[in-house]
N, C-alpha and C. Protein backbone atom coordinates (compact mmCIF):
# COMPACT_ATOMS: atom_id res chain seq x y z
N UNK A 1 -21.57 43.49 20.08
CA UNK A 1 -22.05 42.46 20.65
C UNK A 1 -21.68 41.50 20.20
N UNK A 2 -22.79 41.37 18.73
CA UNK A 2 -23.09 40.21 17.62
C UNK A 2 -21.74 39.72 17.61
N UNK A 3 -20.35 40.75 17.00
CA UNK A 3 -19.26 40.56 16.68
C UNK A 3 -18.06 39.69 17.51
N UNK A 4 -18.84 39.53 18.76
CA UNK A 4 -18.32 39.07 19.77
C UNK A 4 -18.54 38.01 20.01
N UNK A 5 -19.26 37.33 19.83
CA UNK A 5 -20.47 36.11 19.89
C UNK A 5 -20.00 35.48 19.10
N UNK A 6 -20.19 35.80 17.57
CA UNK A 6 -19.65 34.92 16.43
C UNK A 6 -18.19 35.01 16.36
N UNK A 7 -17.22 36.19 17.17
CA UNK A 7 -16.06 35.46 17.04
C UNK A 7 -15.77 34.21 18.08
N UNK A 8 -16.54 34.06 19.24
CA UNK A 8 -16.30 33.16 20.01
C UNK A 8 -16.78 31.63 19.75
N UNK A 9 -18.38 32.09 19.03
CA UNK A 9 -18.88 30.72 18.02
C UNK A 9 -17.18 30.09 17.20
N UNK A 10 -16.53 30.93 16.30
CA UNK A 10 -15.73 30.67 15.91
C UNK A 10 -14.51 29.74 16.30
N UNK A 11 -14.01 31.17 17.66
CA UNK A 11 -12.40 30.40 18.23
C UNK A 11 -13.62 28.84 18.35
N UNK A 12 -14.72 28.83 19.50
CA UNK A 12 -14.50 27.96 19.78
C UNK A 12 -15.03 26.43 18.41
N UNK A 13 -15.61 27.01 17.19
CA UNK A 13 -15.40 26.00 16.19
C UNK A 13 -14.26 25.39 15.76
N UNK A 14 -12.91 26.37 15.77
CA UNK A 14 -11.73 25.81 15.75
C UNK A 14 -10.84 25.11 16.52
N UNK A 15 -11.55 25.31 17.70
CA UNK A 15 -10.57 24.54 18.71
C UNK A 15 -11.64 22.98 19.22
N UNK A 16 -12.90 22.61 18.65
CA UNK A 16 -13.61 21.58 18.47
C UNK A 16 -13.12 20.96 17.08
N UNK A 17 -12.49 21.26 16.45
CA UNK A 17 -12.22 21.38 15.12
C UNK A 17 -10.45 20.50 15.48
N UNK A 18 -9.46 21.18 15.88
CA UNK A 18 -8.09 21.47 16.05
C UNK A 18 -8.76 19.56 17.41
N UNK A 19 -8.94 20.04 18.52
CA UNK A 19 -9.48 18.42 19.14
C UNK A 19 -9.85 17.56 18.15
N UNK A 20 -10.68 17.47 17.29
CA UNK A 20 -11.19 16.09 16.91
C UNK A 20 -10.28 15.57 15.88
N UNK A 21 -9.63 16.54 14.89
CA UNK A 21 -7.81 16.13 14.50
C UNK A 21 -7.41 15.98 14.63
N UNK A 22 -6.60 16.39 16.00
CA UNK A 22 -5.99 15.72 17.33
C UNK A 22 -5.88 14.38 17.72
N UNK A 23 -7.27 13.58 17.76
CA UNK A 23 -7.70 12.57 18.21
C UNK A 23 -7.94 11.67 17.31
N UNK A 24 -8.28 11.72 16.04
CA UNK A 24 -7.86 11.32 14.54
C UNK A 24 -6.39 10.48 14.25
N UNK A 25 -6.11 11.75 14.87
CA UNK A 25 -4.11 12.03 14.66
C UNK A 25 -3.59 10.54 15.62
N UNK A 26 -3.85 10.51 16.80
CA UNK A 26 -3.61 9.70 17.52
C UNK A 26 -3.96 8.56 17.23
N UNK A 27 -5.46 8.30 16.69
CA UNK A 27 -5.57 6.60 16.30
C UNK A 27 -4.97 6.53 14.63
N UNK A 28 -4.64 7.30 14.05
CA UNK A 28 -4.47 7.00 12.60
C UNK A 28 -2.43 6.97 12.67
N UNK A 29 -2.09 7.40 13.14
CA UNK A 29 -0.57 7.27 13.25
C UNK A 29 -0.20 6.81 14.29
N UNK A 30 0.64 5.91 13.60
CA UNK A 30 1.39 4.97 14.84
C UNK A 30 2.95 4.44 14.35
N UNK A 31 3.73 4.53 14.99
CA UNK A 31 5.10 3.85 14.97
C UNK A 31 5.88 4.53 16.15
N UNK A 32 6.91 5.56 15.52
CA UNK A 32 7.81 6.15 16.39
C UNK A 32 7.81 7.02 15.64
N UNK A 33 8.87 8.24 16.04
CA UNK A 33 8.99 9.62 15.35
C UNK A 33 9.20 9.48 14.03
N UNK A 34 10.03 8.69 13.56
CA UNK A 34 11.33 8.72 12.43
C UNK A 34 10.09 8.09 11.31
N UNK A 35 9.21 6.94 12.28
CA UNK A 35 8.37 6.23 10.99
C UNK A 35 7.24 6.09 11.39
N UNK A 36 6.74 7.24 11.32
CA UNK A 36 5.23 6.98 11.20
C UNK A 36 4.54 6.09 11.13
N UNK A 37 3.22 5.44 11.10
CA UNK A 37 2.47 4.50 10.56
C UNK A 37 0.99 4.71 10.32
N UNK A 38 0.56 5.12 9.18
CA UNK A 38 -0.65 5.39 8.97
C UNK A 38 -1.59 4.46 8.95
N UNK A 39 -2.40 3.79 9.47
CA UNK A 39 -3.09 3.17 9.45
C UNK A 39 -4.55 3.35 10.23
N UNK A 40 -5.63 2.36 9.59
CA UNK A 40 -6.85 2.32 10.57
C UNK A 40 -6.83 2.44 12.02
N UNK A 41 -7.84 2.82 12.76
CA UNK A 41 -7.73 2.64 14.02
C UNK A 41 -7.63 1.24 14.30
N UNK A 42 -6.63 0.71 15.66
CA UNK A 42 -6.28 -0.50 15.86
C UNK A 42 -8.05 -0.64 17.18
N UNK A 43 -8.36 -2.13 17.03
CA UNK A 43 -9.92 -2.58 17.55
C UNK A 43 -8.47 -2.91 18.78
N UNK A 44 -10.14 -3.61 20.11
CA UNK A 44 -9.05 -3.48 21.72
C UNK A 44 -8.39 -4.95 21.02
N UNK A 45 -8.75 -6.33 20.12
CA UNK A 45 -7.78 -7.02 20.27
C UNK A 45 -7.05 -7.38 18.74
N UNK A 46 -5.93 -7.57 19.01
CA UNK A 46 -4.83 -7.60 17.72
C UNK A 46 -5.62 -8.91 16.61
N UNK A 47 -6.17 -9.93 17.11
CA UNK A 47 -7.05 -10.43 15.94
C UNK A 47 -7.78 -10.26 15.59
N UNK A 48 -8.43 -9.55 16.23
CA UNK A 48 -9.58 -8.51 15.65
C UNK A 48 -9.77 -7.52 14.65
N UNK A 49 -8.00 -7.16 14.48
CA UNK A 49 -7.46 -6.44 13.66
C UNK A 49 -6.93 -7.48 12.16
N UNK A 50 -7.06 -8.36 12.18
CA UNK A 50 -6.88 -9.43 10.70
C UNK A 50 -8.10 -9.63 10.25
N UNK A 51 -8.67 -8.59 9.55
CA UNK A 51 -10.05 -9.50 9.11
C UNK A 51 -10.34 -9.64 7.36
N UNK A 52 -10.75 -10.34 7.06
CA UNK A 52 -10.76 -10.51 5.57
C UNK A 52 -8.91 -10.49 5.13
N UNK A 53 -8.65 -11.05 5.77
CA UNK A 53 -7.23 -11.57 5.13
C UNK A 53 -6.64 -9.90 5.31
N UNK A 54 -6.46 -9.29 5.75
CA UNK A 54 -6.07 -7.56 6.03
C UNK A 54 -4.87 -7.96 7.21
N UNK A 55 -3.79 -7.47 7.58
CA UNK A 55 -3.43 -6.83 8.71
C UNK A 55 -3.79 -5.30 9.03
N UNK A 56 -4.38 -5.14 9.77
CA UNK A 56 -4.90 -3.66 10.11
C UNK A 56 -3.88 -2.96 11.25
N UNK A 57 -2.93 -4.24 11.94
CA UNK A 57 -1.81 -3.13 12.75
C UNK A 57 -1.11 -3.35 12.74
N UNK A 58 -0.77 -3.22 11.16
CA UNK A 58 0.74 -2.69 11.55
C UNK A 58 2.17 -3.38 11.01
N UNK A 59 2.16 -4.77 11.24
CA UNK A 59 3.41 -5.72 11.94
C UNK A 59 3.53 -5.90 10.85
N UNK A 60 5.21 -5.51 10.46
CA UNK A 60 5.14 -6.42 8.94
C UNK A 60 6.76 -6.40 8.93
N UNK A 61 6.89 -7.01 7.98
CA UNK A 61 8.75 -7.73 7.86
C UNK A 61 9.38 -6.74 6.99
N UNK A 62 8.76 -6.03 6.47
CA UNK A 62 9.27 -4.94 5.93
C UNK A 62 9.11 -3.75 6.03
N UNK A 63 9.85 -2.13 5.58
CA UNK A 63 9.71 -0.86 5.81
C UNK A 63 8.29 0.18 5.35
N UNK A 64 7.94 -1.21 4.60
CA UNK A 64 6.57 -0.29 3.67
C UNK A 64 5.86 -0.22 4.66
N UNK A 65 5.71 1.58 5.14
CA UNK A 65 4.76 1.65 6.39
C UNK A 65 4.03 2.50 5.91
N UNK A 66 3.41 2.93 4.72
CA UNK A 66 2.06 3.97 4.45
C UNK A 66 1.11 3.17 3.79
N UNK A 67 1.28 1.61 3.80
CA UNK A 67 0.54 1.22 3.42
C UNK A 67 -0.53 -0.43 3.94
N UNK A 68 -1.44 -0.82 3.90
CA UNK A 68 -2.20 -1.85 4.35
C UNK A 68 -1.79 -2.91 3.48
N UNK A 69 -1.00 -3.62 4.00
CA UNK A 69 -0.34 -5.47 3.68
C UNK A 69 -1.65 -6.50 4.12
N UNK A 70 -1.64 -6.90 3.09
CA UNK A 70 -2.92 -8.07 3.38
C UNK A 70 -1.86 -9.27 3.33
N UNK A 71 -2.51 -10.15 4.20
CA UNK A 71 -1.50 -11.00 4.64
C UNK A 71 -2.18 -12.49 3.92
N UNK A 72 -1.41 -12.72 2.93
CA UNK A 72 -1.64 -14.32 1.21
C UNK A 72 -0.63 -15.09 1.97
N UNK A 73 -0.59 -16.42 1.97
CA UNK A 73 0.09 -17.12 2.38
C UNK A 73 0.37 -17.85 0.90
N UNK A 74 2.19 -17.71 0.73
CA UNK A 74 2.63 -18.21 -0.58
C UNK A 74 2.70 -19.70 -0.48
N UNK A 75 2.45 -20.42 -1.39
CA UNK A 75 2.03 -21.46 -1.25
C UNK A 75 3.47 -22.41 -1.21
N UNK A 76 4.63 -21.55 -1.69
CA UNK A 76 5.58 -21.51 -1.74
C UNK A 76 6.57 -21.19 -1.78
N UNK A 77 7.76 -20.95 -0.97
CA UNK A 77 8.60 -20.03 -0.76
C UNK A 77 8.91 -19.24 -2.16
N UNK A 78 9.64 -18.36 -2.53
CA UNK A 78 9.90 -18.12 -3.97
C UNK A 78 11.26 -18.01 -4.21
N UNK A 79 11.96 -18.25 -4.90
CA UNK A 79 13.15 -18.56 -5.52
C UNK A 79 13.22 -17.65 -6.14
N UNK A 80 14.77 -17.15 -5.95
CA UNK A 80 15.38 -15.89 -6.48
C UNK A 80 15.36 -15.76 -8.07
N UNK A 81 15.54 -17.90 -8.75
CA UNK A 81 15.95 -17.63 -9.70
C UNK A 81 14.45 -18.08 -10.81
N UNK A 82 13.42 -18.40 -9.75
CA UNK A 82 12.25 -18.06 -10.17
C UNK A 82 11.39 -16.85 -10.68
N UNK A 83 12.07 -16.08 -9.98
CA UNK A 83 11.04 -14.34 -10.34
C UNK A 83 11.08 -14.13 -11.63
N UNK A 84 12.14 -14.45 -12.54
CA UNK A 84 12.01 -13.81 -13.94
C UNK A 84 10.15 -14.59 -14.92
N UNK A 85 10.60 -15.57 -14.17
CA UNK A 85 9.65 -16.96 -14.74
C UNK A 85 8.09 -16.24 -14.46
N UNK A 86 8.12 -15.88 -12.70
CA UNK A 86 6.99 -15.33 -12.35
C UNK A 86 6.37 -13.35 -12.67
N UNK A 87 7.09 -12.92 -13.09
CA UNK A 87 6.77 -11.87 -13.22
C UNK A 87 6.48 -11.81 -14.63
N UNK A 88 6.93 -12.56 -15.78
CA UNK A 88 6.20 -13.15 -16.76
C UNK A 88 5.32 -13.34 -16.96
N UNK A 89 4.87 -14.06 -16.23
CA UNK A 89 3.25 -15.17 -16.27
C UNK A 89 2.81 -13.09 -15.81
N UNK A 90 3.14 -12.73 -14.43
CA UNK A 90 2.15 -11.33 -13.60
C UNK A 90 2.39 -10.44 -14.83
N UNK A 91 3.15 -10.50 -16.07
CA UNK A 91 2.96 -9.50 -17.02
C UNK A 91 2.01 -10.26 -17.97
N UNK A 92 1.68 -11.41 -18.45
CA UNK A 92 0.82 -11.80 -19.74
C UNK A 92 -0.47 -11.52 -18.41
N UNK A 93 -0.86 -12.13 -17.37
CA UNK A 93 -2.08 -11.12 -16.82
C UNK A 93 -2.48 -10.36 -16.43
N UNK A 94 -1.57 -9.58 -16.42
CA UNK A 94 -1.59 -7.80 -15.99
C UNK A 94 -2.42 -7.21 -17.13
N UNK A 95 -1.48 -7.40 -18.03
CA UNK A 95 -1.65 -6.54 -19.13
C UNK A 95 -1.45 -6.89 -20.45
N UNK A 96 -1.48 -8.23 -20.65
CA UNK A 96 -0.93 -8.87 -21.93
C UNK A 96 0.23 -8.80 -22.65
N UNK A 97 1.17 -7.92 -22.00
CA UNK A 97 2.48 -7.29 -22.39
C UNK A 97 2.19 -5.98 -23.10
N UNK A 98 1.34 -5.17 -22.71
CA UNK A 98 1.03 -3.84 -22.98
C UNK A 98 1.55 -2.72 -21.89
N UNK A 99 2.23 -1.97 -22.05
CA UNK A 99 2.61 -1.16 -21.38
C UNK A 99 1.64 0.52 -21.14
N UNK A 100 0.80 0.02 -20.43
CA UNK A 100 -0.75 0.93 -20.51
C UNK A 100 -1.34 1.52 -19.64
N UNK A 101 -2.27 2.43 -19.67
CA UNK A 101 -2.76 3.03 -18.45
C UNK A 101 -4.44 3.05 -18.08
N UNK A 102 -4.90 2.58 -17.40
CA UNK A 102 -6.40 1.99 -16.70
C UNK A 102 -6.70 2.21 -15.50
N UNK A 103 -7.91 2.72 -15.22
CA UNK A 103 -8.48 3.16 -13.92
C UNK A 103 -9.21 1.45 -13.83
N UNK A 104 -8.19 1.40 -12.18
CA UNK A 104 -8.58 -0.03 -11.56
C UNK A 104 -10.07 0.35 -11.33
N UNK A 105 -10.56 -1.07 -10.47
CA UNK A 105 -11.55 -1.29 -9.62
C UNK A 105 -11.44 -0.07 -8.67
N UNK A 106 -10.73 -0.25 -7.52
CA UNK A 106 -10.31 0.47 -6.40
C UNK A 106 -10.33 2.13 -7.24
N UNK A 107 -10.44 2.60 -8.22
CA UNK A 107 -10.95 3.79 -8.44
C UNK A 107 -9.24 4.88 -8.83
N UNK A 108 -8.12 3.37 -8.36
CA UNK A 108 -7.07 4.82 -8.85
C UNK A 108 -6.53 4.08 -10.07
N UNK A 109 -5.21 4.62 -10.90
CA UNK A 109 -4.42 4.63 -11.66
C UNK A 109 -3.86 3.53 -11.70
N UNK A 110 -3.87 2.28 -12.67
CA UNK A 110 -2.47 1.20 -12.67
C UNK A 110 -1.98 1.37 -14.29
N UNK A 111 -0.64 1.86 -13.92
CA UNK A 111 0.09 1.81 -15.25
C UNK A 111 1.24 0.39 -15.72
N UNK A 112 1.70 0.79 -16.60
CA UNK A 112 2.46 0.02 -17.02
C UNK A 112 2.00 -1.68 -17.63
N UNK A 113 3.11 -2.56 -18.02
CA UNK A 113 3.17 -3.79 -17.78
C UNK A 113 3.05 -4.54 -16.69
N UNK A 114 3.02 -4.27 -15.49
CA UNK A 114 3.25 -5.08 -14.90
C UNK A 114 1.58 -4.11 -13.63
N UNK A 115 0.76 -3.30 -14.02
CA UNK A 115 -0.24 -2.39 -13.64
C UNK A 115 -0.13 -1.93 -11.93
N UNK A 116 1.34 -1.65 -11.83
CA UNK A 116 1.45 -0.25 -10.77
C UNK A 116 0.61 0.79 -10.51
N UNK A 117 -0.02 0.91 -8.83
CA UNK A 117 -0.28 2.10 -8.83
C UNK A 117 0.85 3.14 -7.82
N UNK A 118 0.33 4.27 -7.60
CA UNK A 118 1.53 5.10 -7.46
C UNK A 118 1.63 4.48 -6.25
N UNK A 119 1.08 4.31 -5.03
CA UNK A 119 0.83 4.64 -3.59
C UNK A 119 1.94 2.59 -3.44
N UNK A 120 1.91 2.21 -4.63
CA UNK A 120 2.66 0.83 -4.50
C UNK A 120 4.39 1.46 -4.71
N UNK A 121 4.06 1.85 -6.28
CA UNK A 121 5.20 2.49 -6.94
C UNK A 121 6.08 3.45 -5.81
N UNK A 122 5.86 4.01 -5.31
CA UNK A 122 6.29 5.42 -4.38
C UNK A 122 6.94 3.84 -3.23
N UNK A 123 6.24 3.13 -2.89
CA UNK A 123 6.88 2.79 -1.62
C UNK A 123 7.35 1.73 -1.94
N UNK A 124 7.88 1.00 -3.19
CA UNK A 124 8.26 0.04 -3.13
C UNK A 124 9.72 0.63 -3.96
N UNK A 125 9.73 1.82 -4.21
CA UNK A 125 10.57 2.86 -4.97
C UNK A 125 11.62 3.50 -3.32
N UNK A 126 11.13 3.71 -2.99
CA UNK A 126 11.61 4.53 -2.01
C UNK A 126 12.19 2.80 -0.91
N UNK A 127 11.45 2.18 -0.34
CA UNK A 127 11.97 0.81 0.28
C UNK A 127 13.39 -0.03 -0.61
N UNK A 128 13.29 0.42 -2.00
CA UNK A 128 15.19 -0.62 -2.55
C UNK A 128 15.65 0.67 -3.36
N UNK A 129 15.00 2.03 -2.56
CA UNK A 129 16.27 3.15 -3.35
C UNK A 129 16.51 3.63 -4.45
N UNK A 130 15.60 3.43 -5.59
CA UNK A 130 15.51 3.19 -7.00
C UNK A 130 14.82 4.50 -7.76
N UNK A 131 15.06 4.89 -8.49
CA UNK A 131 13.96 5.52 -8.83
C UNK A 131 13.54 5.47 -10.53
N UNK A 132 12.32 4.95 -10.69
CA UNK A 132 11.87 5.08 -12.03
C UNK A 132 10.41 5.34 -12.85
N UNK A 133 9.98 4.79 -13.93
CA UNK A 133 9.07 5.02 -14.05
C UNK A 133 7.81 3.32 -14.47
N UNK A 134 6.59 3.69 -14.30
CA UNK A 134 5.89 2.10 -14.25
C UNK A 134 5.89 1.59 -15.41
N UNK A 135 5.60 2.82 -16.24
CA UNK A 135 5.70 2.83 -17.64
C UNK A 135 6.50 2.31 -18.65
N UNK A 136 7.41 2.12 -18.35
CA UNK A 136 8.62 2.01 -18.40
C UNK A 136 9.15 0.80 -18.00
N UNK A 137 9.01 -0.46 -19.06
CA UNK A 137 8.73 -1.89 -18.92
C UNK A 137 10.20 -2.66 -18.12
N UNK A 138 11.67 -2.25 -18.14
CA UNK A 138 12.46 -2.40 -17.59
C UNK A 138 12.25 -1.85 -15.88
N UNK A 139 11.88 -0.64 -16.20
CA UNK A 139 12.13 -0.15 -14.45
C UNK A 139 10.93 -1.19 -13.94
N UNK A 140 9.20 -1.34 -14.35
CA UNK A 140 8.55 -2.29 -13.88
C UNK A 140 9.11 -3.63 -13.37
N UNK A 141 9.70 -4.26 -14.61
CA UNK A 141 10.49 -5.16 -13.88
C UNK A 141 11.01 -5.30 -12.91
N UNK A 142 12.25 -4.33 -12.72
CA UNK A 142 13.09 -3.92 -11.65
C UNK A 142 12.37 -3.97 -10.42
N UNK A 143 11.47 -3.20 -10.83
CA UNK A 143 10.87 -3.05 -9.35
C UNK A 143 10.01 -4.10 -8.70
N UNK A 144 9.39 -5.34 -9.73
CA UNK A 144 8.86 -6.15 -9.41
C UNK A 144 9.48 -7.70 -8.67
N UNK A 145 11.07 -7.55 -9.81
CA UNK A 145 11.49 -8.36 -8.79
C UNK A 145 12.14 -7.63 -7.36
N UNK A 146 12.34 -6.59 -7.12
CA UNK A 146 12.78 -6.58 -6.09
C UNK A 146 11.62 -6.36 -4.99
N UNK A 147 10.18 -6.17 -5.14
CA UNK A 147 9.72 -6.41 -4.25
C UNK A 147 9.05 -8.13 -4.35
N UNK A 148 8.53 -9.02 -5.16
CA UNK A 148 8.78 -10.62 -5.34
C UNK A 148 10.29 -11.20 -4.17
N UNK A 149 11.07 -10.28 -4.27
CA UNK A 149 12.32 -11.09 -3.64
C UNK A 149 12.12 -10.81 -2.10
N UNK A 150 11.44 -9.84 -1.92
CA UNK A 150 11.04 -9.52 -0.90
C UNK A 150 9.42 -9.83 -0.13
N UNK A 151 8.93 -10.48 -1.22
CA UNK A 151 7.83 -11.76 -0.97
C UNK A 151 6.68 -10.49 -0.70
N UNK A 152 6.44 -9.69 -1.68
CA UNK A 152 5.56 -8.89 -1.61
C UNK A 152 4.59 -9.45 -3.06
N UNK A 153 4.04 -10.30 -3.02
CA UNK A 153 3.20 -11.02 -3.90
C UNK A 153 2.35 -10.67 -4.04
N UNK A 154 1.89 -10.32 -2.80
CA UNK A 154 0.00 -9.76 -2.74
C UNK A 154 -0.18 -8.51 -3.32
N UNK A 155 1.13 -7.94 -4.03
CA UNK A 155 0.53 -6.76 -4.76
C UNK A 155 -0.40 -7.36 -6.09
N UNK A 156 -0.23 -8.54 -6.15
CA UNK A 156 -0.43 -8.87 -7.45
C UNK A 156 -1.18 -9.89 -7.40
N UNK A 157 -2.54 -9.67 -5.92
CA UNK A 157 -3.37 -10.84 -5.79
C UNK A 157 -3.74 -11.76 -6.74
N UNK A 158 -4.74 -11.35 -7.71
CA UNK A 158 -5.64 -11.96 -8.43
C UNK A 158 -4.79 -12.72 -9.23
N UNK A 159 -4.06 -12.22 -9.75
CA UNK A 159 -2.66 -12.55 -10.65
C UNK A 159 -2.33 -13.79 -10.20
N UNK A 160 -1.94 -13.67 -8.93
CA UNK A 160 -1.12 -14.74 -7.90
C UNK A 160 -1.93 -15.84 -7.88
N UNK A 161 -3.14 -15.44 -7.54
CA UNK A 161 -4.20 -16.99 -7.36
C UNK A 161 -4.97 -17.43 -8.75
N UNK A 162 -4.21 -16.70 -9.94
CA UNK A 162 -4.49 -17.32 -10.98
C UNK A 162 -3.37 -18.16 -10.87
N UNK A 163 -2.43 -18.10 -11.18
CA UNK A 163 -0.71 -19.06 -11.11
C UNK A 163 -1.10 -19.75 -10.33
N UNK A 164 -2.39 -20.11 -9.06
CA UNK A 164 -1.98 -20.37 -7.69
C UNK A 164 -0.67 -20.23 -7.26
N UNK A 165 0.05 -18.73 -7.02
CA UNK A 165 1.10 -18.77 -6.27
C UNK A 165 0.51 -18.43 -5.15
N UNK A 166 -0.77 -17.79 -5.04
CA UNK A 166 -1.23 -17.79 -3.23
C UNK A 166 -2.17 -18.81 -3.24
C-alpha cells in the first residue's frame, strides 16, 4: 500500500512539474514555430514592456531572436564609411587594443579587443552567416562592422555613450 501511495505522489509531482514547465514555456516562447522568441513574460500593455530602455516585447528589425534588445537612440545614423573609425574608438574604450578575456559585471566572459560575450557573438555570427573567433582581432572587427551596419551599436552601450554615439 505504501508503494502505491508513493507511486501516486510521484506521478502527481511529475504531472504538476509538467504543467508548470508548459505554463512557463507559453509565457517565455513567442514567435512562430520556425523562429521561436525567448523573452520574459509580456505584461498587459505594450508600453509596460518597455522599462529601463529595454524592449521586452520582441519587436525588432533584425533577426536576433534570443536576446533582449535595448532601445537606445543613436544620435545620428551610422554612415558605413564611418564604421571603421567607430570600431577603433570602441576598441580603445573596451580593451585598449588588447585581445583579452575578462569576467564582465554581468557575470559573463567578455572576449577579444571588442569584449564580445558568447551570446552576442553567436547571435551576430548566425545573423550574418560567418564563423570566427572573438579573440581574433580581424574576426572581432568583421563581426562588429556587420553589427554596426545593422544598427546594433547598443551592444557597446557604455563606450558608445562615452563617445556620445548614443
